[in-house]
Amino acid sequence: MSIAFYKRCTIRRSYSGNAITLLFRWFGKNSYEVYLTHMFVIMTADYGNAQQLYIQLGYLPDGRGLHYKNKVLHYAETVILDDDLVLYFTKAI
């Protein structure tokens, strides 16, 4: 059994995003039967710092590609570039 944690990172250019991520990691390590943490980051340039932060903390894309409004995108689909276009990251703990 695994429990997924999702958060939308809206805090930019501060240490708050890192602190929240560390809190998720602590909670995951100190909870019973939690094996993976999941989070997503919005795919616009405004969230570039969050994208880099998650990679530096060891999170990897989950391999399912981009999502738009909680649906996996397929070839040749057209979407609006907004806060609903996300890439999910995962990390084993």
Foldseek 3Di string as FASTA:
>chain_A
DADEDEDEDPDPPDCVVVVVVVVVVVVQVPDPPHWKYKYKYQPDPRGVVVVVVCVVVPWDFPPQDWDAQNHGDDPPDDDDRDRRTITMTMDTD
